[in-house]
PDB file of N, CA and C in Angstrom:
ATOM      1  N   ASN A   1      91.496 117.680  83.846  1.00  0.00           N
ATOM      2  CA  ASN A   1      92.178 116.451  83.473  1.00  0.00           C
ATOM      3  C   ASN A   1      91.560 115.213  84.118  1.00  0.00           C
ATOM      4  N   TYR A   2      90.427 115.371  84.743  1.00  0.00           N
ATOM      5  CA  TYR A   2      89.800 114.251  85.444  1.00  0.00           C
ATOM      6  C   TYR A   2      88.418 113.996  84.887  1.00  0.00           C
ATOM      7  N   ASN A   3      88.012 112.747  84.912  1.00  0.00           N
ATOM      8  CA  ASN A   3      86.643 112.398  84.568  1.00  0.00           C
ATOM      9  C   ASN A   3      85.839 112.400  85.856  1.00  0.00           C
ATOM     10  N   LEU A   4      84.861 113.272  85.930  1.00  0.00           N
ATOM     11  CA  LEU A   4      84.012 113.356  87.103  1.00  0.00           C
ATOM     12  C   LEU A   4      82.660 112.737  86.788  1.00  0.00           C
ATOM     13  N   HIS A   5      82.161 111.963  87.718  1.00  0.00           N
ATOM     14  CA  HIS A   5      80.845 111.356  87.572  1.00  0.00           C
ATOM     15  C   HIS A   5      80.045 111.676  88.822  1.00  0.00           C
ATOM     16  N   TYR A   6      78.835 112.120  88.628  1.00  0.00           N
ATOM     17  CA  TYR A   6      77.971 112.534  89.720  1.00  0.00           C
ATOM     18  C   TYR A   6      76.718 111.669  89.715  1.00  0.00           C
ATOM     19  N   VAL A   7      76.339 111.220  90.892  1.00  0.00           N
ATOM     20  CA  VAL A   7      75.049 110.548  91.041  1.00  0.00           C
ATOM     21  C   VAL A   7      74.281 111.266  92.144  1.00  0.00           C
ATOM     22  N   SER A   8      72.971 111.161  92.103  1.00  0.00           N
ATOM     23  CA  SER A   8      72.147 111.993  92.981  1.00  0.00           C
ATOM     24  C   SER A   8      71.651 111.309  94.245  1.00  0.00           C
ATOM     25  N   ASN A   9      71.941 110.013  94.404  1.00  0.00           N
ATOM     26  CA  ASN A   9      71.468 109.333  95.608  1.00  0.00           C
ATOM     27  C   ASN A   9      72.331 108.104  95.907  1.00  0.00           C
ATOM     28  N   GLY A  10      72.146 107.551  97.082  1.00  0.00           N
ATOM     29  CA  GLY A  10      72.970 106.428  97.516  1.00  0.00           C
ATOM     30  C   GLY A  10      72.771 105.168  96.693  1.00  0.00           C
ATOM     31  N   GLU A  11      71.541 104.914  96.269  1.00  0.00           N
ATOM     32  CA  GLU A  11      71.268 103.740  95.442  1.00  0.00           C
ATOM     33  C   GLU A  11      71.991 103.861  94.107  1.00  0.00           C
ATOM     34  N   ALA A  12      71.961 105.038  93.514  1.00  0.00           N
ATOM     35  CA  ALA A  12      72.642 105.270  92.237  1.00  0.00           C
ATOM     36  C   ALA A  12      74.162 105.147  92.411  1.00  0.00           C
ATOM     37  N   ALA A  13      74.683 105.542  93.565  1.00  0.00           N
ATOM     38  CA  ALA A  13      76.126 105.417  93.805  1.00  0.00           C
ATOM     39  C   ALA A  13      76.545 103.947  93.754  1.00  0.00           C
ATOM     40  N   LEU A  14      75.759 103.087  94.380  1.00  0.00           N
ATOM     41  CA  LEU A  14      76.087 101.658  94.356  1.00  0.00           C
ATOM     42  C   LEU A  14      75.842 101.061  92.973  1.00  0.00           C
ATOM     43  N   ASP A  15      74.788 101.513  92.298  1.00  0.00           N
ATOM     44  CA  ASP A  15      74.563 101.054  90.922  1.00  0.00           C
ATOM     45  C   ASP A  15      75.743 101.431  90.035  1.00  0.00           C
ATOM     46  N   TYR A  16      76.289 102.621  90.233  1.00  0.00           N
ATOM     47  CA  TYR A  16      77.449 103.048  89.447  1.00  0.00           C
ATOM     48  C   TYR A  16      78.637 102.112  89.706  1.00  0.00           C
ATOM     49  N   LEU A  17      78.908 101.842  90.973  1.00  0.00           N
ATOM     50  CA  LEU A  17      80.048 100.976  91.308  1.00  0.00           C
ATOM     51  C   LEU A  17      79.881  99.571  90.735  1.00  0.00           C
ATOM     52  N   TYR A  18      78.673  99.042  90.828  1.00  0.00           N
ATOM     53  CA  TYR A  18      78.407  97.678  90.356  1.00  0.00           C
ATOM     54  C   TYR A  18      78.001  97.625  88.886  1.00  0.00           C
ATOM     55  N   LYS A  19      78.043  98.786  88.213  1.00  0.00           N
ATOM     56  CA  LYS A  19      77.754  98.890  86.781  1.00  0.00           C
ATOM     57  C   LYS A  19      76.377  98.331  86.437  1.00  0.00           C
ATOM     58  N   LYS A  20      75.390  98.771  87.200  1.00  0.00           N
ATOM     59  CA  LYS A  20      74.013  98.328  86.959  1.00  0.00           C
ATOM     60  C   LYS A  20      73.240  99.400  86.196  1.00  0.00           C
ATOM     61  N   GLY A  21      72.235  98.942  85.442  1.00  0.00           N
ATOM     62  CA  GLY A  21      71.323  99.858  84.761  1.00  0.00           C
ATOM     63  C   GLY A  21      72.037 100.826  83.845  1.00  0.00           C
ATOM     64  N   GLU A  22      71.741 102.100  84.016  1.00  0.00           N
ATOM     65  CA  GLU A  22      72.299 103.130  83.142  1.00  0.00           C
ATOM     66  C   GLU A  22      73.809 103.299  83.286  1.00  0.00           C
ATOM     67  N   PHE A  23      74.405 102.657  84.292  1.00  0.00           N
ATOM     68  CA  PHE A  23      75.840 102.821  84.558  1.00  0.00           C
ATOM     69  C   PHE A  23      76.674 101.631  84.077  1.00  0.00           C
ATOM     70  N   GLN A  24      76.144 100.835  83.175  1.00  0.00           N
ATOM     71  CA  GLN A  24      76.842  99.638  82.708  1.00  0.00           C
ATOM     72  C   GLN A  24      78.221  99.925  82.136  1.00  0.00           C
ATOM     73  N   ASN A  25      78.401 101.105  81.592  1.00  0.00           N
ATOM     74  CA  ASN A  25      79.688 101.457  80.992  1.00  0.00           C
ATOM     75  C   ASN A  25      80.509 102.383  81.875  1.00  0.00           C
ATOM     76  N   GLY A  26      80.152 102.477  83.141  1.00  0.00           N
ATOM     77  CA  GLY A  26      80.870 103.364  84.050  1.00  0.00           C
ATOM     78  C   GLY A  26      82.282 102.885  84.338  1.00  0.00           C
ATOM     79  N   ASP A  27      83.145 103.825  84.637  1.00  0.00           N
ATOM     80  CA  ASP A  27      84.526 103.511  84.992  1.00  0.00           C
ATOM     81  C   ASP A  27      84.631 103.315  86.504  1.00  0.00           C
ATOM     82  N   ARG A  28      85.559 102.476  86.916  1.00  0.00           N
ATOM     83  CA  ARG A  28      85.841 102.331  88.338  1.00  0.00           C
ATOM     84  C   ARG A  28      86.457 103.647  88.826  1.00  0.00           C
ATOM     85  N   PRO A  29      85.918 104.231  89.884  1.00  0.00           N
ATOM     86  CA  PRO A  29      86.476 105.509  90.349  1.00  0.00           C
ATOM     87  C   PRO A  29      87.822 105.328  91.043  1.00  0.00           C
ATOM     88  N   ASP A  30      88.667 106.329  90.915  1.00  0.00           N
ATOM     89  CA  ASP A  30      89.937 106.359  91.631  1.00  0.00           C
ATOM     90  C   ASP A  30      89.737 106.910  93.037  1.00  0.00           C
ATOM     91  N   LEU A  31      88.689 107.703  93.196  1.00  0.00           N
ATOM     92  CA  LEU A  31      88.424 108.411  94.438  1.00  0.00           C
ATOM     93  C   LEU A  31      86.931 108.673  94.520  1.00  0.00           C
ATOM     94  N   ILE A  32      86.365 108.551  95.718  1.00  0.00           N
ATOM     95  CA  ILE A  32      84.940 108.797  95.896  1.00  0.00           C
ATOM     96  C   ILE A  32      84.747 109.920  96.905  1.00  0.00           C
ATOM     97  N   LEU A  33      83.982 110.938  96.507  1.00  0.00           N
ATOM     98  CA  LEU A  33      83.537 111.982  97.420  1.00  0.00           C
ATOM     99  C   LEU A  33      82.107 111.617  97.781  1.00  0.00           C
ATOM    100  N   LEU A  34      81.865 111.376  99.054  1.00  0.00           N
ATOM    101  CA  LEU A  34      80.577 110.837  99.488  1.00  0.00           C
ATOM    102  C   LEU A  34      79.929 111.738 100.525  1.00  0.00           C
ATOM    103  N   ASP A  35      78.721 112.177 100.222  1.00  0.00           N
ATOM    104  CA  ASP A  35      77.929 112.936 101.186  1.00  0.00           C
ATOM    105  C   ASP A  35      77.222 111.934 102.092  1.00  0.00           C
ATOM    106  N   LEU A  36      77.021 112.290 103.346  1.00  0.00           N
ATOM    107  CA  LEU A  36      76.298 111.406 104.256  1.00  0.00           C
ATOM    108  C   LEU A  36      74.793 111.512 104.051  1.00  0.00           C
ATOM    109  N   ASN A  37      74.311 112.688 103.722  1.00  0.00           N
ATOM    110  CA  ASN A  37      72.875 112.944 103.635  1.00  0.00           C
ATOM    111  C   ASN A  37      72.356 112.691 102.228  1.00  0.00           C
ATOM    112  N   LEU A  38      72.302 111.421 101.874  1.00  0.00           N
ATOM    113  CA  LEU A  38      71.845 111.039 100.547  1.00  0.00           C
ATOM    114  C   LEU A  38      70.430 110.476 100.599  1.00  0.00           C
ATOM    115  N   PRO A  39      69.616 110.763  99.593  1.00  0.00           N
ATOM    116  CA  PRO A  39      68.310 110.108  99.524  1.00  0.00           C
ATOM    117  C   PRO A  39      68.464 108.635  99.132  1.00  0.00           C
ATOM    118  N   GLN A  40      67.468 107.862  99.434  1.00  0.00           N
ATOM    119  CA  GLN A  40      67.340 106.439  99.106  1.00  0.00           C
ATOM    120  C   GLN A  40      68.260 105.539  99.919  1.00  0.00           C
ATOM    121  N   ARG A  41      69.503 105.867 100.043  1.00  0.00           N
ATOM    122  CA  ARG A  41      70.433 105.119 100.898  1.00  0.00           C
ATOM    123  C   ARG A  41      71.353 106.124 101.554  1.00  0.00           C
ATOM    124  N   HIS A  42      71.438 106.075 102.869  1.00  0.00           N
ATOM    125  CA  HIS A  42      72.274 107.020 103.618  1.00  0.00           C
ATOM    126  C   HIS A  42      73.746 106.786 103.269  1.00  0.00           C
ATOM    127  N   GLY A  43      74.526 107.825 103.379  1.00  0.00           N
ATOM    128  CA  GLY A  43      75.948 107.731 103.098  1.00  0.00           C
ATOM    129  C   GLY A  43      76.662 106.666 103.914  1.00  0.00           C
ATOM    130  N   PHE A  44      76.248 106.447 105.171  1.00  0.00           N
ATOM    131  CA  PHE A  44      76.861 105.391 105.986  1.00  0.00           C
ATOM    132  C   PHE A  44      76.638 104.019 105.360  1.00  0.00           C
ATOM    133  N   GLU A  45      75.454 103.792 104.817  1.00  0.00           N
ATOM    134  CA  GLU A  45      75.166 102.510 104.166  1.00  0.00           C
ATOM    135  C   GLU A  45      76.052 102.323 102.934  1.00  0.00           C
ATOM    136  N   VAL A  46      76.202 103.380 102.159  1.00  0.00           N
ATOM    137  CA  VAL A  46      77.036 103.321 100.958  1.00  0.00           C
ATOM    138  C   VAL A  46      78.495 103.081 101.353  1.00  0.00           C
ATOM    139  N   LEU A  47      78.972 103.814 102.353  1.00  0.00           N
ATOM    140  CA  LEU A  47      80.351 103.653 102.817  1.00  0.00           C
ATOM    141  C   LEU A  47      80.596 102.225 103.300  1.00  0.00           C
ATOM    142  N   LYS A  48      79.680 101.705 104.084  1.00  0.00           N
ATOM    143  CA  LYS A  48      79.831 100.337 104.593  1.00  0.00           C
ATOM    144  C   LYS A  48      79.898  99.334 103.445  1.00  0.00           C
ATOM    145  N   GLU A  49      79.030  99.498 102.450  1.00  0.00           N
ATOM    146  CA  GLU A  49      79.027  98.602 101.289  1.00  0.00           C
ATOM    147  C   GLU A  49      80.372  98.667 100.549  1.00  0.00           C
ATOM    148  N   ILE A  50      80.883  99.872 100.364  1.00  0.00           N
ATOM    149  CA  ILE A  50      82.158 100.038  99.657  1.00  0.00           C
ATOM    150  C   ILE A  50      83.292  99.383 100.439  1.00  0.00           C
ATOM    151  N   LYS A  51      83.352  99.656 101.720  1.00  0.00           N
ATOM    152  CA  LYS A  51      84.498  99.216 102.517  1.00  0.00           C
ATOM    153  C   LYS A  51      84.438  97.757 102.940  1.00  0.00           C
ATOM    154  N   THR A  52      83.296  97.087 102.741  1.00  0.00           N
ATOM    155  CA  THR A  52      83.232  95.650 103.019  1.00  0.00           C
ATOM    156  C   THR A  52      83.322  94.831 101.732  1.00  0.00           C
ATOM    157  N   SER A  53      83.428  95.497 100.607  1.00  0.00           N
ATOM    158  CA  SER A  53      83.535  94.831  99.317  1.00  0.00           C
ATOM    159  C   SER A  53      85.002  94.614  98.962  1.00  0.00           C
ATOM    160  N   SER A  54      85.359  93.382  98.666  1.00  0.00           N
ATOM    161  CA  SER A  54      86.750  93.110  98.281  1.00  0.00           C
ATOM    162  C   SER A  54      87.110  93.851  96.992  1.00  0.00           C
ATOM    163  N   GLU A  55      86.126  94.111  96.172  1.00  0.00           N
ATOM    164  CA  GLU A  55      86.353  94.792  94.895  1.00  0.00           C
ATOM    165  C   GLU A  55      86.601  96.291  95.048  1.00  0.00           C
ATOM    166  N   PHE A  56      85.983  96.908  96.046  1.00  0.00           N
ATOM    167  CA  PHE A  56      86.008  98.367  96.158  1.00  0.00           C
ATOM    168  C   PHE A  56      86.691  98.921  97.398  1.00  0.00           C
ATOM    169  N   LYS A  57      87.050  98.072  98.353  1.00  0.00           N
ATOM    170  CA  LYS A  57      87.521  98.582  99.643  1.00  0.00           C
ATOM    171  C   LYS A  57      88.804  99.404  99.570  1.00  0.00           C
ATOM    172  N   THR A  58      89.585  99.262  98.504  1.00  0.00           N
ATOM    173  CA  THR A  58      90.815 100.047  98.388  1.00  0.00           C
ATOM    174  C   THR A  58      90.599 101.432  97.773  1.00  0.00           C
ATOM    175  N   ILE A  59      89.389 101.714  97.310  1.00  0.00           N
ATOM    176  CA  ILE A  59      89.112 103.039  96.762  1.00  0.00           C
ATOM    177  C   ILE A  59      89.018 104.032  97.921  1.00  0.00           C
ATOM    178  N   PRO A  60      89.809 105.090  97.908  1.00  0.00           N
ATOM    179  CA  PRO A  60      89.687 106.091  98.969  1.00  0.00           C
ATOM    180  C   PRO A  60      88.314 106.752  98.927  1.00  0.00           C
ATOM    181  N   VAL A  61      87.692 106.863 100.098  1.00  0.00           N
ATOM    182  CA  VAL A  61      86.386 107.507 100.210  1.00  0.00           C
ATOM    183  C   VAL A  61      86.523 108.709 101.139  1.00  0.00           C
ATOM    184  N   ILE A  62      86.279 109.868 100.577  1.00  0.00           N
ATOM    185  CA  ILE A  62      86.300 111.105 101.346  1.00  0.00           C
ATOM    186  C   ILE A  62      84.860 111.454 101.682  1.00  0.00           C
ATOM    187  N   ILE A  63      84.569 111.522 102.961  1.00  0.00           N
ATOM    188  CA  ILE A  63      83.253 111.996 103.372  1.00  0.00           C
ATOM    189  C   ILE A  63      83.286 113.513 103.244  1.00  0.00           C
ATOM    190  N   LEU A  64      82.419 114.040 102.399  1.00  0.00           N
ATOM    191  CA  LEU A  64      82.324 115.478 102.158  1.00  0.00           C
ATOM    192  C   LEU A  64      80.882 115.863 102.444  1.00  0.00           C
ATOM    193  N   THR A  65      80.657 116.423 103.613  1.00  0.00           N
ATOM    194  CA  THR A  65      79.297 116.613 104.096  1.00  0.00           C
ATOM    195  C   THR A  65      79.150 117.918 104.859  1.00  0.00           C
ATOM    196  N   SER A  66      77.938 118.342 105.053  1.00  0.00           N
ATOM    197  CA  SER A  66      77.684 119.554 105.837  1.00  0.00           C
ATOM    198  C   SER A  66      77.712 119.262 107.336  1.00  0.00           C
ATOM    199  N   SER A  67      77.742 118.009 107.703  1.00  0.00           N
ATOM    200  CA  SER A  67      77.707 117.631 109.117  1.00  0.00           C
ATOM    201  C   SER A  67      78.990 118.022 109.843  1.00  0.00           C
ATOM    202  N   LYS A  68      78.804 118.493 111.063  1.00  0.00           N
ATOM    203  CA  LYS A  68      79.936 118.754 111.958  1.00  0.00           C
ATOM    204  C   LYS A  68      79.823 117.874 113.203  1.00  0.00           C
ATOM    205  N   SER A  69      78.922 116.928 113.163  1.00  0.00           N
ATOM    206  CA  SER A  69      78.636 116.062 114.294  1.00  0.00           C
ATOM    207  C   SER A  69      79.816 115.139 114.612  1.00  0.00           C
ATOM    208  N   GLU A  70      80.226 115.136 115.878  1.00  0.00           N
ATOM    209  CA  GLU A  70      81.299 114.219 116.296  1.00  0.00           C
ATOM    210  C   GLU A  70      80.895 112.771 116.049  1.00  0.00           C
ATOM    211  N   GLN A  71      79.619 112.471 116.255  1.00  0.00           N
ATOM    212  CA  GLN A  71      79.125 111.110 116.020  1.00  0.00           C
ATOM    213  C   GLN A  71      79.321 110.707 114.562  1.00  0.00           C
ATOM    214  N   ASP A  72      79.040 111.631 113.648  1.00  0.00           N
ATOM    215  CA  ASP A  72      79.211 111.329 112.226  1.00  0.00           C
ATOM    216  C   ASP A  72      80.689 111.134 111.891  1.00  0.00           C
ATOM    217  N   VAL A  73      81.548 111.935 112.482  1.00  0.00           N
ATOM    218  CA  VAL A  73      82.990 111.791 112.247  1.00  0.00           C
ATOM    219  C   VAL A  73      83.452 110.421 112.729  1.00  0.00           C
ATOM    220  N   VAL A  74      83.111 110.081 113.959  1.00  0.00           N
ATOM    221  CA  VAL A  74      83.538 108.807 114.545  1.00  0.00           C
ATOM    222  C   VAL A  74      83.003 107.637 113.731  1.00  0.00           C
ATOM    223  N   LYS A  75      81.703 107.658 113.423  1.00  0.00           N
ATOM    224  CA  LYS A  75      81.110 106.544 112.676  1.00  0.00           C
ATOM    225  C   LYS A  75      81.738 106.415 111.292  1.00  0.00           C
ATOM    226  N   SER A  76      82.020 107.541 110.638  1.00  0.00           N
ATOM    227  CA  SER A  76      82.652 107.493 109.317  1.00  0.00           C
ATOM    228  C   SER A  76      84.003 106.795 109.372  1.00  0.00           C
ATOM    229  N   TYR A  77      84.800 107.133 110.379  1.00  0.00           N
ATOM    230  CA  TYR A  77      86.106 106.484 110.511  1.00  0.00           C
ATOM    231  C   TYR A  77      85.971 105.033 110.942  1.00  0.00           C
ATOM    232  N   GLU A  78      84.982 104.729 111.767  1.00  0.00           N
ATOM    233  CA  GLU A  78      84.744 103.326 112.132  1.00  0.00           C
ATOM    234  C   GLU A  78      84.398 102.485 110.912  1.00  0.00           C
ATOM    235  N   LEU A  79      83.738 103.112 109.947  1.00  0.00           N
ATOM    236  CA  LEU A  79      83.393 102.423 108.705  1.00  0.00           C
ATOM    237  C   LEU A  79      84.505 102.532 107.659  1.00  0.00           C
ATOM    238  N   HIS A  80      85.652 103.058 108.068  1.00  0.00           N
ATOM    239  CA  HIS A  80      86.880 103.090 107.269  1.00  0.00           C
ATOM    240  C   HIS A  80      86.893 104.112 106.136  1.00  0.00           C
ATOM    241  N   CYS A  81      86.299 105.283 106.368  1.00  0.00           N
ATOM    242  CA  CYS A  81      86.476 106.348 105.385  1.00  0.00           C
ATOM    243  C   CYS A  81      87.958 106.738 105.379  1.00  0.00           C
ATOM    244  N   SER A  82      88.382 107.354 104.317  1.00  0.00           N
ATOM    245  CA  SER A  82      89.776 107.789 104.217  1.00  0.00           C
ATOM    246  C   SER A  82      89.999 109.124 104.905  1.00  0.00           C
ATOM    247  N   CYS A  83      88.985 109.977 104.874  1.00  0.00           N
ATOM    248  CA  CYS A  83      89.025 111.233 105.614  1.00  0.00           C
ATOM    249  C   CYS A  83      87.623 111.836 105.657  1.00  0.00           C
ATOM    250  N   PHE A  84      87.447 112.763 106.560  1.00  0.00           N
ATOM    251  CA  PHE A  84      86.150 113.416 106.770  1.00  0.00           C
ATOM    252  C   PHE A  84      86.357 114.907 106.609  1.00  0.00           C
ATOM    253  N   VAL A  85      85.635 115.512 105.676  1.00  0.00           N
ATOM    254  CA  VAL A  85      85.737 116.941 105.412  1.00  0.00           C
ATOM    255  C   VAL A  85      84.346 117.552 105.535  1.00  0.00           C
ATOM    256  N   THR A  86      84.234 118.563 106.376  1.00  0.00           N
ATOM    257  CA  THR A  86      82.975 119.303 106.450  1.00  0.00           C
ATOM    258  C   THR A  86      82.970 120.323 105.325  1.00  0.00           C
ATOM    259  N   LYS A  87      81.904 120.294 104.540  1.00  0.00           N
ATOM    260  CA  LYS A  87      81.795 121.211 103.405  1.00  0.00           C
ATOM    261  C   LYS A  87      81.877 122.650 103.881  1.00  0.00           C
ATOM    262  N   PRO A  88      82.791 123.392 103.314  1.00  0.00           N
ATOM    263  CA  PRO A  88      82.828 124.821 103.635  1.00  0.00           C
ATOM    264  C   PRO A  88      81.665 125.538 102.964  1.00  0.00           C
ATOM    265  N   PHE A  89      81.162 126.563 103.616  1.00  0.00           N
ATOM    266  CA  PHE A  89      80.119 127.384 103.006  1.00  0.00           C
ATOM    267  C   PHE A  89      80.799 128.517 102.262  1.00  0.00           C
ATOM    268  N   GLY A  90      80.250 128.890 101.169  1.00  0.00           N
ATOM    269  CA  GLY A  90      80.837 129.949 100.360  1.00  0.00           C
ATOM    270  C   GLY A  90      81.621 129.352  99.214  1.00  0.00           C
ATOM    271  N   PHE A  91      81.449 129.938  98.055  1.00  0.00           N
ATOM    272  CA  PHE A  91      82.058 129.415  96.835  1.00  0.00           C
ATOM    273  C   PHE A  91      83.579 129.353  96.923  1.00  0.00           C
ATOM    274  N   ASN A  92      84.222 130.432  97.363  1.00  0.00           N
ATOM    275  CA  ASN A  92      85.692 130.461  97.411  1.00  0.00           C
ATOM    276  C   ASN A  92      86.247 129.410  98.370  1.00  0.00           C
ATOM    277  N   ASP A  93      85.648 129.288  99.541  1.00  0.00           N
ATOM    278  CA  ASP A  93      86.111 128.289 100.501  1.00  0.00           C
ATOM    279  C   ASP A  93      85.912 126.879  99.967  1.00  0.00           C
ATOM    280  N   PHE A  94      84.773 126.644  99.318  1.00  0.00           N
ATOM    281  CA  PHE A  94      84.517 125.325  98.746  1.00  0.00           C
ATOM    282  C   PHE A  94      85.510 125.020  97.628  1.00  0.00           C
ATOM    283  N   THR A  95      85.752 125.988  96.763  1.00  0.00           N
ATOM    284  CA  THR A  95      86.718 125.812  95.672  1.00  0.00           C
ATOM    285  C   THR A  95      88.101 125.500  96.227  1.00  0.00           C
ATOM    286  N   ASN A  96      88.513 126.218  97.265  1.00  0.00           N
ATOM    287  CA  ASN A  96      89.819 125.953  97.882  1.00  0.00           C
ATOM    288  C   ASN A  96      89.886 124.559  98.487  1.00  0.00           C
ATOM    289  N   ALA A  97      88.805 124.114  99.104  1.00  0.00           N
ATOM    290  CA  ALA A  97      88.774 122.762  99.673  1.00  0.00           C
ATOM    291  C   ALA A  97      88.915 121.720  98.563  1.00  0.00           C
ATOM    292  N   MET A  98      88.248 121.939  97.433  1.00  0.00           N
ATOM    293  CA  MET A  98      88.352 120.992  96.315  1.00  0.00           C
ATOM    294  C   MET A  98      89.775 120.962  95.760  1.00  0.00           C
ATOM    295  N   LYS A  99      90.413 122.112  95.702  1.00  0.00           N
ATOM    296  CA  LYS A  99      91.800 122.162  95.241  1.00  0.00           C
ATOM    297  C   LYS A  99      92.718 121.413  96.206  1.00  0.00           C
ATOM    298  N   ASP A 100      92.469 121.556  97.488  1.00  0.00           N
ATOM    299  CA  ASP A 100      93.275 120.832  98.488  1.00  0.00           C
ATOM    300  C   ASP A 100      93.080 119.325  98.367  1.00  0.00           C
ATOM    301  N   ILE A 101      91.850 118.903  98.159  1.00  0.00           N
ATOM    302  CA  ILE A 101      91.568 117.474  97.971  1.00  0.00           C
ATOM    303  C   ILE A 101      92.276 116.967  96.725  1.00  0.00           C
ATOM    304  N   GLU A 102      92.173 117.720  95.642  1.00  0.00           N
ATOM    305  CA  GLU A 102      92.857 117.331  94.406  1.00  0.00           C
ATOM    306  C   GLU A 102      94.365 117.225  94.626  1.00  0.00           C
ATOM    307  N   GLN A 103      94.934 118.243  95.236  1.00  0.00           N
ATOM    308  CA  GLN A 103      96.385 118.263  95.456  1.00  0.00           C
ATOM    309  C   GLN A 103      96.834 117.048  96.259  1.00  0.00           C
ATOM    310  N   PHE A 104      96.132 116.767  97.342  1.00  0.00           N
ATOM    311  CA  PHE A 104      96.543 115.669  98.207  1.00  0.00           C
ATOM    312  C   PHE A 104      96.247 114.302  97.590  1.00  0.00           C
ATOM    313  N   TRP A 105      94.981 114.067  97.215  1.00  0.00           N
ATOM    314  CA  TRP A 105      94.559 112.735  96.806  1.00  0.00           C
ATOM    315  C   TRP A 105      94.922 112.378  95.378  1.00  0.00           C
ATOM    316  N   LEU A 106      95.057 113.345  94.506  1.00  0.00           N
ATOM    317  CA  LEU A 106      95.306 113.022  93.099  1.00  0.00           C
ATOM    318  C   LEU A 106      96.697 113.391  92.621  1.00  0.00           C
ATOM    319  N   ARG A 107      97.464 114.096  93.451  1.00  0.00           N
ATOM    320  CA  ARG A 107      98.819 114.471  93.044  1.00  0.00           C
ATOM    321  C   ARG A 107      99.883 113.988  94.013  1.00  0.00           C
ATOM    322  N   LEU A 108      99.610 114.036  95.311  1.00  0.00           N
ATOM    323  CA  LEU A 108     100.615 113.693  96.315  1.00  0.00           C
ATOM    324  C   LEU A 108     100.585 112.223  96.719  1.00  0.00           C
ATOM    325  N   VAL A 109      99.421 111.700  96.969  1.00  0.00           N
ATOM    326  CA  VAL A 109      99.253 110.343  97.478  1.00  0.00           C
ATOM    327  C   VAL A 109      99.509 109.326  96.374  1.00  0.00           C
ATOM    328  N   GLN A 110     100.151 108.232  96.727  1.00  0.00           N
ATOM    329  CA  GLN A 110     100.294 107.126  95.788  1.00  0.00           C
ATOM    330  C   GLN A 110      99.120 106.181  96.009  1.00  0.00           C
ATOM    331  N   LEU A 111      98.310 106.019  94.974  1.00  0.00           N
ATOM    332  CA  LEU A 111      97.141 105.148  95.052  1.00  0.00           C
ATOM    333  C   LEU A 111      97.548 103.711  94.801  1.00  0.00           C
ATOM    334  N   PRO A 112      96.740 102.745  95.261  1.00  0.00           N
ATOM    335  CA  PRO A 112      97.041 101.332  94.969  1.00  0.00           C
ATOM    336  C   PRO A 112      97.121 101.110  93.461  1.00  0.00           C
ATOM    337  N   PRO A 113      97.912 100.125  93.020  1.00  0.00           N
ATOM    338  CA  PRO A 113      98.149  99.918  91.586  1.00  0.00           C
ATOM    339  C   PRO A 113      96.895  99.836  90.726  1.00  0.00           C
ATOM    340  N   GLN A 114      95.866  99.116  91.147  1.00  0.00           N
ATOM    341  CA  GLN A 114      94.674  98.994  90.317  1.00  0.00           C
ATOM    342  C   GLN A 114      93.973 100.338  90.145  1.00  0.00           C
ATOM    343  N   LEU A 115      94.206 101.272  91.041  1.00  0.00           N
ATOM    344  CA  LEU A 115      93.622 102.597  90.909  1.00  0.00           C
ATOM    345  C   LEU A 115      94.527 103.516  90.114  1.00  0.00           C
ATOM    346  N   ALA A 116      95.815 103.440  90.365  1.00  0.00           N
ATOM    347  CA  ALA A 116      96.764 104.351  89.730  1.00  0.00           C
ATOM    348  C   ALA A 116      96.747 104.213  88.217  1.00  0.00           C
ATOM    349  N   LYS A 117      96.482 103.009  87.693  1.00  0.00           N
ATOM    350  CA  LYS A 117      96.480 102.819  86.247  1.00  0.00           C
ATOM    351  C   LYS A 117      95.389 103.610  85.540  1.00  0.00           C
ATOM    352  N   ASN A 118      94.320 103.993  86.289  1.00  0.00           N
ATOM    353  CA  ASN A 118      93.243 104.766  85.676  1.00  0.00           C
ATOM    354  C   ASN A 118      93.487 106.267  85.742  1.00  0.00           C
ATOM    355  N   SER A 119      94.485 106.708  86.475  1.00  0.00           N
ATOM    356  CA  SER A 119      94.704 108.147  86.678  1.00  0.00           C
ATOM    357  C   SER A 119      95.413 108.776  85.509  1.00  0.00           C
TER     358      SER A 119
END
């Protein structure tokens, strides 16, 4: 029941948000799952851009990464991520984590009005 959009690098993530190039017809996301280890632009750079933008700062950003580094956790929250999730290894564990994210962020949480209208 959700429209999922995937981009392969940090530059493309920002192009999607700003509707540049091939993403001119992209929808504003209700929720962003962001890996830290992105090519072209690191996830921290993308997160900072999102959270300092008046247009995008209310979009919840979930850091979903393989990192378990305390430094990465702290920096992510300093840059105002909504939560930090270390990617589970194994298909079943990953699937369960995605279901938990869906349950919490897309069913339980009340999103800001400009986001809720797209859900």
